[in-house]
Structure formats: C-alpha cells, structure tokens
Amino acid sequence: MSEQTLTGSGGIGGVRVGLAVSQYNDFVTNRLRDGAIAALQAAGVGGAAIVVAPVPGAFEVPQAARRLASVGDVDAVVGLGCLIRGETPHFEFIAAAVAHGLTQAALDSGTPMTFGVLTTNSAEEALARAGGGRSNKGWEAADAALAMVRLFRRLRAPGAGPPA
C-alpha cells in the first residue's frame, strides 16, 4: 500500500488573503501587519489581493475574520493582535476568547485562519516577536495561512477535479 502525503508547500497563485489587525498596542501590531504583508508579497501575493481590516482590539479580531471569510472573497484570514499581561485576569479571558473565536470562525466558514496574536508578559517580549524578517510572528502567521490555502486546494471535494 502506498501512502500519499498532502503538504502545504509549492507555488501559489490567484490568492486573496485578509488580515484582521487589532489597533490596540499598535506599536506592535503595525509591525505584525507589515511582517504579514512582507511574507505575502514574498510569496507573490500583493496589491488588492491583500485586504487589511483594522479592528479596535484583539477581542474583535475573530469577528472581523469571520466577516472577511463570509463577504471578503478571501482564501485565508490572518488574525493579528497583541495582548500584554497586566495585573488582572483580563489578559487570560481575552486571550482565550480570541483563540476560541478564531478557531470557531475557521471551522464555521471553512476558510483557513491563522493565529498571529501575541500573548506576552511585557512590551519588550512583544517587540522581540514583531521584529524584522521571517522571525516576525505576523510573517509566520501569513506563511501558515498560505500553507493552509495550498493544502485546502489539494483537498478538493470529490468530483471537483484534480488538485490545483
């Protein structure tokens, strides 16, 4: 018996990606957004094929992600935000809500969504994860979104023809 491994690697074309970007802690989230856009452009996705939806805070990221998936004509959504731990349990509640919300939005819509929401103990930790190049967590989330688009294209419904 021969097995087949489906991977999320290879070329990609004709892709539109939505970015749901929290504006809270924008000194970090702007860097995450820039990292995600750089990753998409490096893969050949650019211009009008990148839809940026700014939202007030991380809590609103899943709502925008779901809307992008339902009306934004996108192949994937990248959720970007930054939560920095404070002195109250608020951090834990928001982090859990955003993670569950993005997961549920992806499952409900069938659109790949990735989690580029930093959950850090300090601003310094957040900035370290939003630096330049491929180590930027926005870049990583966008790269993962493209890998999922490639995989989903290979997992077409029966009768839909050969994988793209």
N, C-alpha and C. Protein backbone atom coordinates (compact mmCIF):
# COMPACT_ATOMS: atom_id res chain seq x y z
N MET A 1 0.84 -1.18 0.00
CA MET A 1 0.00 0.00 0.00
C MET A 1 0.89 1.24 0.00
N SER A 2 0.57 2.16 -0.86
CA SER A 2 1.33 3.39 -0.98
C SER A 2 0.55 4.52 -0.31
N GLU A 3 1.26 5.34 0.45
CA GLU A 3 0.58 6.46 1.09
C GLU A 3 0.86 7.74 0.34
N GLN A 4 -0.03 8.68 0.51
CA GLN A 4 0.10 9.98 -0.12
C GLN A 4 0.14 11.02 0.99
N THR A 5 1.14 11.88 0.94
CA THR A 5 1.24 12.95 1.91
C THR A 5 0.88 14.25 1.24
N LEU A 6 -0.13 14.90 1.77
CA LEU A 6 -0.54 16.20 1.25
C LEU A 6 0.19 17.26 2.05
N THR A 7 0.85 18.16 1.37
CA THR A 7 1.58 19.20 2.08
C THR A 7 1.08 20.57 1.66
N GLY A 8 1.44 21.55 2.45
CA GLY A 8 1.08 22.92 2.16
C GLY A 8 2.23 23.67 1.54
N SER A 9 3.02 23.00 0.72
CA SER A 9 4.16 23.66 0.09
C SER A 9 3.93 23.76 -1.42
N GLY A 10 4.78 24.53 -2.07
CA GLY A 10 4.68 24.69 -3.51
C GLY A 10 4.22 26.08 -3.88
N GLY A 11 4.05 26.30 -5.17
CA GLY A 11 3.65 27.60 -5.68
C GLY A 11 2.21 27.94 -5.32
N ILE A 12 1.90 29.20 -5.46
CA ILE A 12 0.54 29.63 -5.14
C ILE A 12 0.19 30.80 -6.06
N GLY A 13 -1.01 30.81 -6.56
CA GLY A 13 -1.44 31.89 -7.43
C GLY A 13 -2.91 32.17 -7.26
N GLY A 14 -3.30 33.37 -7.60
CA GLY A 14 -4.71 33.74 -7.52
C GLY A 14 -5.28 33.73 -6.12
N VAL A 15 -4.47 34.08 -5.14
CA VAL A 15 -4.90 34.02 -3.74
C VAL A 15 -5.20 35.42 -3.22
N ARG A 16 -6.28 35.53 -2.45
CA ARG A 16 -6.60 36.76 -1.70
C ARG A 16 -6.57 36.41 -0.22
N VAL A 17 -5.89 37.24 0.54
CA VAL A 17 -5.74 37.00 1.98
C VAL A 17 -6.22 38.22 2.75
N GLY A 18 -7.04 37.97 3.77
CA GLY A 18 -7.50 39.02 4.66
C GLY A 18 -6.64 39.08 5.91
N LEU A 19 -6.37 40.28 6.37
CA LEU A 19 -5.66 40.48 7.63
C LEU A 19 -6.60 41.21 8.57
N ALA A 20 -6.98 40.59 9.67
CA ALA A 20 -7.77 41.24 10.71
C ALA A 20 -6.76 41.71 11.76
N VAL A 21 -6.56 43.02 11.85
CA VAL A 21 -5.46 43.58 12.64
C VAL A 21 -5.98 44.45 13.77
N SER A 22 -5.66 44.05 15.00
CA SER A 22 -6.01 44.85 16.17
C SER A 22 -5.21 46.15 16.17
N GLN A 23 -5.88 47.24 16.49
CA GLN A 23 -5.21 48.53 16.59
C GLN A 23 -4.71 48.82 18.01
N TYR A 24 -5.16 48.00 18.97
CA TYR A 24 -4.68 48.17 20.35
C TYR A 24 -3.25 47.66 20.41
N ASN A 25 -2.38 48.37 21.07
CA ASN A 25 -0.94 48.08 21.07
C ASN A 25 -0.38 48.16 19.66
N ASP A 26 -0.78 49.20 18.94
CA ASP A 26 -0.39 49.33 17.53
C ASP A 26 1.12 49.49 17.32
N PHE A 27 1.86 49.83 18.36
CA PHE A 27 3.31 49.88 18.22
C PHE A 27 3.87 48.48 17.97
N VAL A 28 3.08 47.46 18.26
CA VAL A 28 3.46 46.07 17.96
C VAL A 28 2.66 45.57 16.76
N THR A 29 1.34 45.80 16.76
CA THR A 29 0.50 45.21 15.70
C THR A 29 0.80 45.77 14.32
N ASN A 30 1.25 47.02 14.24
CA ASN A 30 1.65 47.55 12.93
C ASN A 30 2.84 46.77 12.39
N ARG A 31 3.75 46.37 13.27
CA ARG A 31 4.90 45.57 12.85
C ARG A 31 4.47 44.15 12.43
N LEU A 32 3.50 43.60 13.15
CA LEU A 32 2.98 42.29 12.76
C LEU A 32 2.32 42.36 11.39
N ARG A 33 1.52 43.42 11.18
CA ARG A 33 0.87 43.63 9.88
C ARG A 33 1.91 43.75 8.76
N ASP A 34 2.94 44.54 9.01
CA ASP A 34 3.99 44.72 8.00
C ASP A 34 4.71 43.41 7.72
N GLY A 35 4.94 42.61 8.76
CA GLY A 35 5.57 41.30 8.58
C GLY A 35 4.70 40.36 7.76
N ALA A 36 3.39 40.38 8.03
CA ALA A 36 2.47 39.53 7.27
C ALA A 36 2.43 39.94 5.81
N ILE A 37 2.36 41.24 5.56
CA ILE A 37 2.33 41.74 4.18
C ILE A 37 3.63 41.37 3.47
N ALA A 38 4.76 41.50 4.14
CA ALA A 38 6.05 41.14 3.53
C ALA A 38 6.08 39.66 3.16
N ALA A 39 5.55 38.81 4.02
CA ALA A 39 5.51 37.38 3.72
C ALA A 39 4.63 37.09 2.52
N LEU A 40 3.48 37.73 2.48
CA LEU A 40 2.56 37.52 1.35
C LEU A 40 3.19 38.01 0.05
N GLN A 41 3.82 39.17 0.10
CA GLN A 41 4.46 39.70 -1.10
C GLN A 41 5.62 38.80 -1.55
N ALA A 42 6.37 38.25 -0.60
CA ALA A 42 7.46 37.33 -0.95
C ALA A 42 6.94 36.08 -1.64
N ALA A 43 5.68 35.71 -1.36
CA ALA A 43 5.06 34.55 -1.99
C ALA A 43 4.32 34.91 -3.27
N GLY A 44 4.35 36.19 -3.66
CA GLY A 44 3.70 36.61 -4.89
C GLY A 44 2.28 37.12 -4.71
N VAL A 45 1.86 37.36 -3.47
CA VAL A 45 0.53 37.89 -3.19
C VAL A 45 0.71 39.37 -2.82
N GLY A 46 0.06 40.25 -3.54
CA GLY A 46 0.24 41.67 -3.24
C GLY A 46 -0.90 42.51 -3.76
N GLY A 47 -0.78 43.80 -3.54
CA GLY A 47 -1.78 44.75 -4.03
C GLY A 47 -3.16 44.48 -3.49
N ALA A 48 -4.15 44.49 -4.38
CA ALA A 48 -5.54 44.30 -3.99
C ALA A 48 -5.84 42.88 -3.51
N ALA A 49 -4.88 41.97 -3.62
CA ALA A 49 -5.07 40.60 -3.14
C ALA A 49 -4.85 40.50 -1.63
N ILE A 50 -4.46 41.61 -1.01
CA ILE A 50 -4.32 41.67 0.44
C ILE A 50 -5.35 42.66 0.96
N VAL A 51 -6.24 42.18 1.80
CA VAL A 51 -7.31 43.01 2.36
C VAL A 51 -7.02 43.19 3.85
N VAL A 52 -6.78 44.43 4.27
CA VAL A 52 -6.48 44.72 5.67
C VAL A 52 -7.73 45.30 6.33
N ALA A 53 -8.15 44.65 7.43
CA ALA A 53 -9.32 45.10 8.19
C ALA A 53 -8.87 45.47 9.59
N PRO A 54 -8.67 46.76 9.86
CA PRO A 54 -8.29 47.18 11.21
C PRO A 54 -9.48 47.07 12.16
N VAL A 55 -9.24 46.58 13.37
CA VAL A 55 -10.28 46.47 14.39
C VAL A 55 -9.77 47.12 15.68
N PRO A 56 -10.67 47.53 16.58
CA PRO A 56 -10.23 48.24 17.78
C PRO A 56 -9.26 47.46 18.67
N GLY A 57 -9.56 46.19 18.90
CA GLY A 57 -8.73 45.41 19.81
C GLY A 57 -8.71 43.95 19.43
N ALA A 58 -7.96 43.16 20.18
CA ALA A 58 -7.83 41.73 19.89
C ALA A 58 -9.17 41.00 19.98
N PHE A 59 -10.03 41.42 20.89
CA PHE A 59 -11.33 40.77 21.05
C PHE A 59 -12.14 40.80 19.76
N GLU A 60 -11.97 41.84 18.96
CA GLU A 60 -12.73 42.00 17.72
C GLU A 60 -12.11 41.27 16.53
N VAL A 61 -10.92 40.74 16.67
CA VAL A 61 -10.24 40.05 15.56
C VAL A 61 -11.07 38.89 15.03
N PRO A 62 -11.59 37.97 15.87
CA PRO A 62 -12.38 36.86 15.30
C PRO A 62 -13.63 37.31 14.56
N GLN A 63 -14.27 38.39 15.04
CA GLN A 63 -15.46 38.88 14.36
C GLN A 63 -15.12 39.37 12.96
N ALA A 64 -14.05 40.13 12.84
CA ALA A 64 -13.63 40.63 11.53
C ALA A 64 -13.16 39.47 10.65
N ALA A 65 -12.49 38.50 11.24
CA ALA A 65 -12.01 37.34 10.47
C ALA A 65 -13.19 36.58 9.87
N ARG A 66 -14.20 36.38 10.67
CA ARG A 66 -15.38 35.67 10.17
C ARG A 66 -16.06 36.45 9.06
N ARG A 67 -16.17 37.76 9.23
CA ARG A 67 -16.81 38.59 8.20
C ARG A 67 -15.99 38.59 6.93
N LEU A 68 -14.67 38.69 7.06
CA LEU A 68 -13.81 38.63 5.88
C LEU A 68 -14.02 37.32 5.13
N ALA A 69 -14.14 36.24 5.88
CA ALA A 69 -14.34 34.92 5.25
C ALA A 69 -15.69 34.83 4.55
N SER A 70 -16.71 35.48 5.11
CA SER A 70 -18.05 35.34 4.53
C SER A 70 -18.34 36.32 3.41
N VAL A 71 -17.76 37.53 3.46
CA VAL A 71 -18.09 38.51 2.43
C VAL A 71 -16.86 39.13 1.76
N GLY A 72 -15.68 38.78 2.22
CA GLY A 72 -14.48 39.42 1.72
C GLY A 72 -13.83 38.74 0.54
N ASP A 73 -14.42 37.62 0.08
CA ASP A 73 -13.87 36.89 -1.06
C ASP A 73 -12.38 36.61 -0.86
N VAL A 74 -12.04 36.05 0.31
CA VAL A 74 -10.65 35.73 0.62
C VAL A 74 -10.48 34.22 0.74
N ASP A 75 -9.26 33.77 0.48
CA ASP A 75 -8.93 32.35 0.59
C ASP A 75 -8.43 31.98 1.97
N ALA A 76 -7.98 32.97 2.74
CA ALA A 76 -7.50 32.74 4.10
C ALA A 76 -7.55 34.06 4.86
N VAL A 77 -7.55 33.95 6.18
CA VAL A 77 -7.53 35.13 7.04
C VAL A 77 -6.44 34.96 8.09
N VAL A 78 -5.69 36.03 8.29
CA VAL A 78 -4.65 36.07 9.31
C VAL A 78 -5.13 37.00 10.41
N GLY A 79 -5.23 36.49 11.63
CA GLY A 79 -5.62 37.31 12.77
C GLY A 79 -4.37 37.83 13.47
N LEU A 80 -4.26 39.15 13.62
CA LEU A 80 -3.08 39.75 14.23
C LEU A 80 -3.47 40.65 15.40
N GLY A 81 -2.76 40.49 16.50
CA GLY A 81 -3.02 41.31 17.67
C GLY A 81 -1.90 41.16 18.68
N CYS A 82 -2.02 41.90 19.77
CA CYS A 82 -1.01 41.86 20.81
C CYS A 82 -1.67 42.06 22.17
N LEU A 83 -1.58 41.04 23.00
CA LEU A 83 -2.07 41.12 24.37
C LEU A 83 -0.87 41.07 25.30
N ILE A 84 -0.78 42.06 26.17
CA ILE A 84 0.32 42.12 27.13
C ILE A 84 -0.28 41.94 28.53
N ARG A 85 0.25 40.96 29.25
CA ARG A 85 -0.27 40.63 30.57
C ARG A 85 -0.24 41.85 31.50
N GLY A 86 -1.32 42.03 32.21
CA GLY A 86 -1.40 43.10 33.20
C GLY A 86 -1.56 42.52 34.59
N GLU A 87 -2.15 43.28 35.47
CA GLU A 87 -2.28 42.87 36.86
C GLU A 87 -3.60 42.16 37.15
N THR A 88 -4.50 42.08 36.17
CA THR A 88 -5.80 41.44 36.39
C THR A 88 -5.95 40.24 35.46
N PRO A 89 -6.97 39.41 35.70
CA PRO A 89 -7.18 38.24 34.84
C PRO A 89 -7.70 38.57 33.43
N HIS A 90 -7.94 39.83 33.13
CA HIS A 90 -8.46 40.25 31.83
C HIS A 90 -7.67 39.63 30.68
N PHE A 91 -6.36 39.60 30.79
CA PHE A 91 -5.46 39.04 29.77
C PHE A 91 -5.88 37.61 29.40
N GLU A 92 -6.08 36.77 30.42
CA GLU A 92 -6.43 35.37 30.17
C GLU A 92 -7.78 35.24 29.47
N PHE A 93 -8.76 36.05 29.91
CA PHE A 93 -10.09 35.98 29.30
C PHE A 93 -10.05 36.39 27.83
N ILE A 94 -9.37 37.46 27.53
CA ILE A 94 -9.31 37.93 26.15
C ILE A 94 -8.51 36.96 25.28
N ALA A 95 -7.38 36.49 25.78
CA ALA A 95 -6.56 35.54 25.00
C ALA A 95 -7.36 34.29 24.66
N ALA A 96 -8.07 33.74 25.64
CA ALA A 96 -8.87 32.54 25.40
C ALA A 96 -10.01 32.83 24.41
N ALA A 97 -10.68 33.96 24.59
CA ALA A 97 -11.79 34.31 23.70
C ALA A 97 -11.32 34.47 22.26
N VAL A 98 -10.18 35.10 22.06
CA VAL A 98 -9.67 35.31 20.70
C VAL A 98 -9.27 33.98 20.07
N ALA A 99 -8.56 33.14 20.82
CA ALA A 99 -8.15 31.84 20.28
C ALA A 99 -9.36 30.99 19.92
N HIS A 100 -10.33 30.91 20.82
CA HIS A 100 -11.54 30.13 20.54
C HIS A 100 -12.35 30.76 19.41
N GLY A 101 -12.44 32.09 19.41
CA GLY A 101 -13.20 32.77 18.37
C GLY A 101 -12.63 32.55 16.98
N LEU A 102 -11.32 32.63 16.83
CA LEU A 102 -10.70 32.39 15.52
C LEU A 102 -10.89 30.93 15.10
N THR A 103 -10.73 30.02 16.05
CA THR A 103 -10.93 28.61 15.73
C THR A 103 -12.36 28.37 15.25
N GLN A 104 -13.32 28.91 15.97
CA GLN A 104 -14.72 28.71 15.60
C GLN A 104 -15.04 29.36 14.26
N ALA A 105 -14.51 30.55 14.03
CA ALA A 105 -14.75 31.22 12.75
C ALA A 105 -14.19 30.40 11.59
N ALA A 106 -13.01 29.83 11.79
CA ALA A 106 -12.41 29.00 10.73
C ALA A 106 -13.23 27.75 10.48
N LEU A 107 -13.67 27.11 11.55
CA LEU A 107 -14.46 25.89 11.39
C LEU A 107 -15.82 26.19 10.76
N ASP A 108 -16.47 27.26 11.20
CA ASP A 108 -17.79 27.60 10.66
C ASP A 108 -17.72 28.02 9.19
N SER A 109 -16.67 28.74 8.83
CA SER A 109 -16.59 29.28 7.47
C SER A 109 -15.92 28.32 6.49
N GLY A 110 -15.09 27.40 7.01
CA GLY A 110 -14.31 26.54 6.12
C GLY A 110 -13.13 27.26 5.50
N THR A 111 -12.87 28.47 5.95
CA THR A 111 -11.75 29.27 5.45
C THR A 111 -10.58 29.15 6.41
N PRO A 112 -9.39 28.85 5.91
CA PRO A 112 -8.23 28.78 6.80
C PRO A 112 -8.00 30.12 7.51
N MET A 113 -7.75 30.04 8.80
CA MET A 113 -7.44 31.23 9.60
C MET A 113 -6.25 30.90 10.49
N THR A 114 -5.37 31.86 10.64
CA THR A 114 -4.20 31.63 11.48
C THR A 114 -4.15 32.63 12.62
N PHE A 115 -3.45 32.24 13.67
CA PHE A 115 -3.40 32.97 14.93
C PHE A 115 -2.07 33.69 15.05
N GLY A 116 -2.08 34.97 14.73
CA GLY A 116 -0.89 35.80 14.87
C GLY A 116 -1.09 36.81 15.98
N VAL A 117 -1.71 36.36 17.07
CA VAL A 117 -1.99 37.23 18.21
C VAL A 117 -0.96 36.91 19.29
N LEU A 118 -0.11 37.89 19.57
CA LEU A 118 0.90 37.70 20.60
C LEU A 118 0.27 37.75 21.98
N THR A 119 0.71 36.88 22.85
CA THR A 119 0.30 36.88 24.26
C THR A 119 1.60 36.89 25.06
N THR A 120 1.98 38.06 25.53
CA THR A 120 3.29 38.21 26.16
C THR A 120 3.18 38.81 27.56
N ASN A 121 4.28 38.71 28.27
CA ASN A 121 4.34 39.26 29.63
C ASN A 121 4.73 40.73 29.65
N SER A 122 5.32 41.22 28.57
CA SER A 122 5.80 42.60 28.56
C SER A 122 5.83 43.15 27.13
N ALA A 123 5.92 44.47 27.04
CA ALA A 123 6.06 45.11 25.73
C ALA A 123 7.36 44.70 25.07
N GLU A 124 8.40 44.52 25.86
CA GLU A 124 9.70 44.11 25.31
C GLU A 124 9.60 42.73 24.65
N GLU A 125 8.90 41.79 25.29
CA GLU A 125 8.70 40.48 24.69
C GLU A 125 7.90 40.59 23.38
N ALA A 126 6.90 41.44 23.39
CA ALA A 126 6.07 41.62 22.19
C ALA A 126 6.90 42.18 21.04
N LEU A 127 7.68 43.19 21.31
CA LEU A 127 8.52 43.80 20.26
C LEU A 127 9.54 42.80 19.72
N ALA A 128 10.06 41.94 20.58
CA ALA A 128 11.02 40.92 20.14
C ALA A 128 10.38 39.95 19.15
N ARG A 129 9.09 39.71 19.29
CA ARG A 129 8.38 38.77 18.41
C ARG A 129 7.84 39.47 17.16
N ALA A 130 7.97 40.79 17.12
CA ALA A 130 7.47 41.56 15.97
C ALA A 130 8.61 42.24 15.23
N GLY A 131 9.78 41.64 15.31
CA GLY A 131 10.95 42.20 14.63
C GLY A 131 10.90 41.94 13.13
N GLY A 132 12.01 42.18 12.48
CA GLY A 132 12.06 42.04 11.03
C GLY A 132 12.26 40.61 10.57
N GLY A 133 11.92 40.38 9.32
CA GLY A 133 12.19 39.11 8.67
C GLY A 133 11.26 37.98 9.07
N ARG A 134 11.71 36.78 8.79
CA ARG A 134 10.88 35.59 8.97
C ARG A 134 10.58 35.24 10.42
N SER A 135 11.30 35.82 11.36
CA SER A 135 11.01 35.54 12.77
C SER A 135 9.85 36.39 13.30
N ASN A 136 9.38 37.35 12.50
CA ASN A 136 8.22 38.16 12.85
C ASN A 136 7.00 37.24 12.88
N LYS A 137 6.24 37.28 13.97
CA LYS A 137 5.09 36.37 14.11
C LYS A 137 3.99 36.70 13.11
N GLY A 138 3.93 37.91 12.60
CA GLY A 138 3.00 38.22 11.52
C GLY A 138 3.39 37.50 10.24
N TRP A 139 4.70 37.49 9.97
CA TRP A 139 5.22 36.75 8.81
C TRP A 139 4.86 35.28 8.96
N GLU A 140 5.14 34.71 10.14
CA GLU A 140 4.87 33.29 10.37
C GLU A 140 3.38 32.96 10.19
N ALA A 141 2.50 33.82 10.69
CA ALA A 141 1.06 33.58 10.57
C ALA A 141 0.62 33.65 9.10
N ALA A 142 1.15 34.60 8.35
CA ALA A 142 0.81 34.70 6.92
C ALA A 142 1.35 33.50 6.15
N ASP A 143 2.55 33.08 6.48
CA ASP A 143 3.15 31.91 5.84
C ASP A 143 2.30 30.66 6.12
N ALA A 144 1.83 30.52 7.36
CA ALA A 144 0.97 29.39 7.71
C ALA A 144 -0.35 29.45 6.96
N ALA A 145 -0.90 30.66 6.79
CA ALA A 145 -2.15 30.81 6.04
C ALA A 145 -1.98 30.34 4.60
N LEU A 146 -0.87 30.71 3.98
CA LEU A 146 -0.62 30.27 2.60
C LEU A 146 -0.44 28.76 2.53
N ALA A 147 0.21 28.18 3.52
CA ALA A 147 0.37 26.72 3.55
C ALA A 147 -1.00 26.05 3.64
N MET A 148 -1.91 26.63 4.42
CA MET A 148 -3.25 26.06 4.54
C MET A 148 -4.05 26.22 3.25
N VAL A 149 -3.88 27.33 2.55
CA VAL A 149 -4.56 27.51 1.26
C VAL A 149 -4.07 26.44 0.29
N ARG A 150 -2.76 26.23 0.25
CA ARG A 150 -2.22 25.20 -0.64
C ARG A 150 -2.80 23.83 -0.29
N LEU A 151 -2.84 23.51 1.01
CA LEU A 151 -3.37 22.23 1.44
C LEU A 151 -4.85 22.10 1.08
N PHE A 152 -5.64 23.12 1.34
CA PHE A 152 -7.06 23.07 1.03
C PHE A 152 -7.30 22.92 -0.46
N ARG A 153 -6.45 23.50 -1.28
CA ARG A 153 -6.59 23.33 -2.73
C ARG A 153 -6.33 21.88 -3.13
N ARG A 154 -5.48 21.20 -2.40
CA ARG A 154 -5.21 19.78 -2.68
C ARG A 154 -6.32 18.88 -2.15
N LEU A 155 -7.06 19.38 -1.20
CA LEU A 155 -8.15 18.61 -0.56
C LEU A 155 -9.50 19.03 -1.12
N ARG A 156 -9.59 19.09 -2.41
CA ARG A 156 -10.85 19.47 -3.04
C ARG A 156 -11.91 18.42 -2.79
N ALA A 157 -13.17 18.84 -2.87
CA ALA A 157 -14.29 17.94 -2.70
C ALA A 157 -14.30 16.91 -3.83
N PRO A 158 -14.80 15.71 -3.56
CA PRO A 158 -14.91 14.69 -4.62
C PRO A 158 -15.69 15.23 -5.80
N GLY A 159 -15.21 14.94 -6.99
CA GLY A 159 -15.88 15.39 -8.20
C GLY A 159 -15.51 16.78 -8.64
N ALA A 160 -14.65 17.44 -7.85
CA ALA A 160 -14.28 18.83 -8.19
C ALA A 160 -13.11 18.88 -9.16
N GLY A 161 -12.62 17.74 -9.55
CA GLY A 161 -11.49 17.73 -10.49
C GLY A 161 -10.17 17.55 -9.76
N PRO A 162 -9.08 17.52 -10.52
CA PRO A 162 -7.78 17.30 -9.91
C PRO A 162 -7.33 18.48 -9.06
N PRO A 163 -6.47 18.23 -8.07
CA PRO A 163 -5.97 19.33 -7.24
C PRO A 163 -5.27 20.38 -8.08
N ALA A 164 -5.37 21.62 -7.66
CA ALA A 164 -4.72 22.74 -8.38
C ALA A 164 -3.24 22.73 -8.12
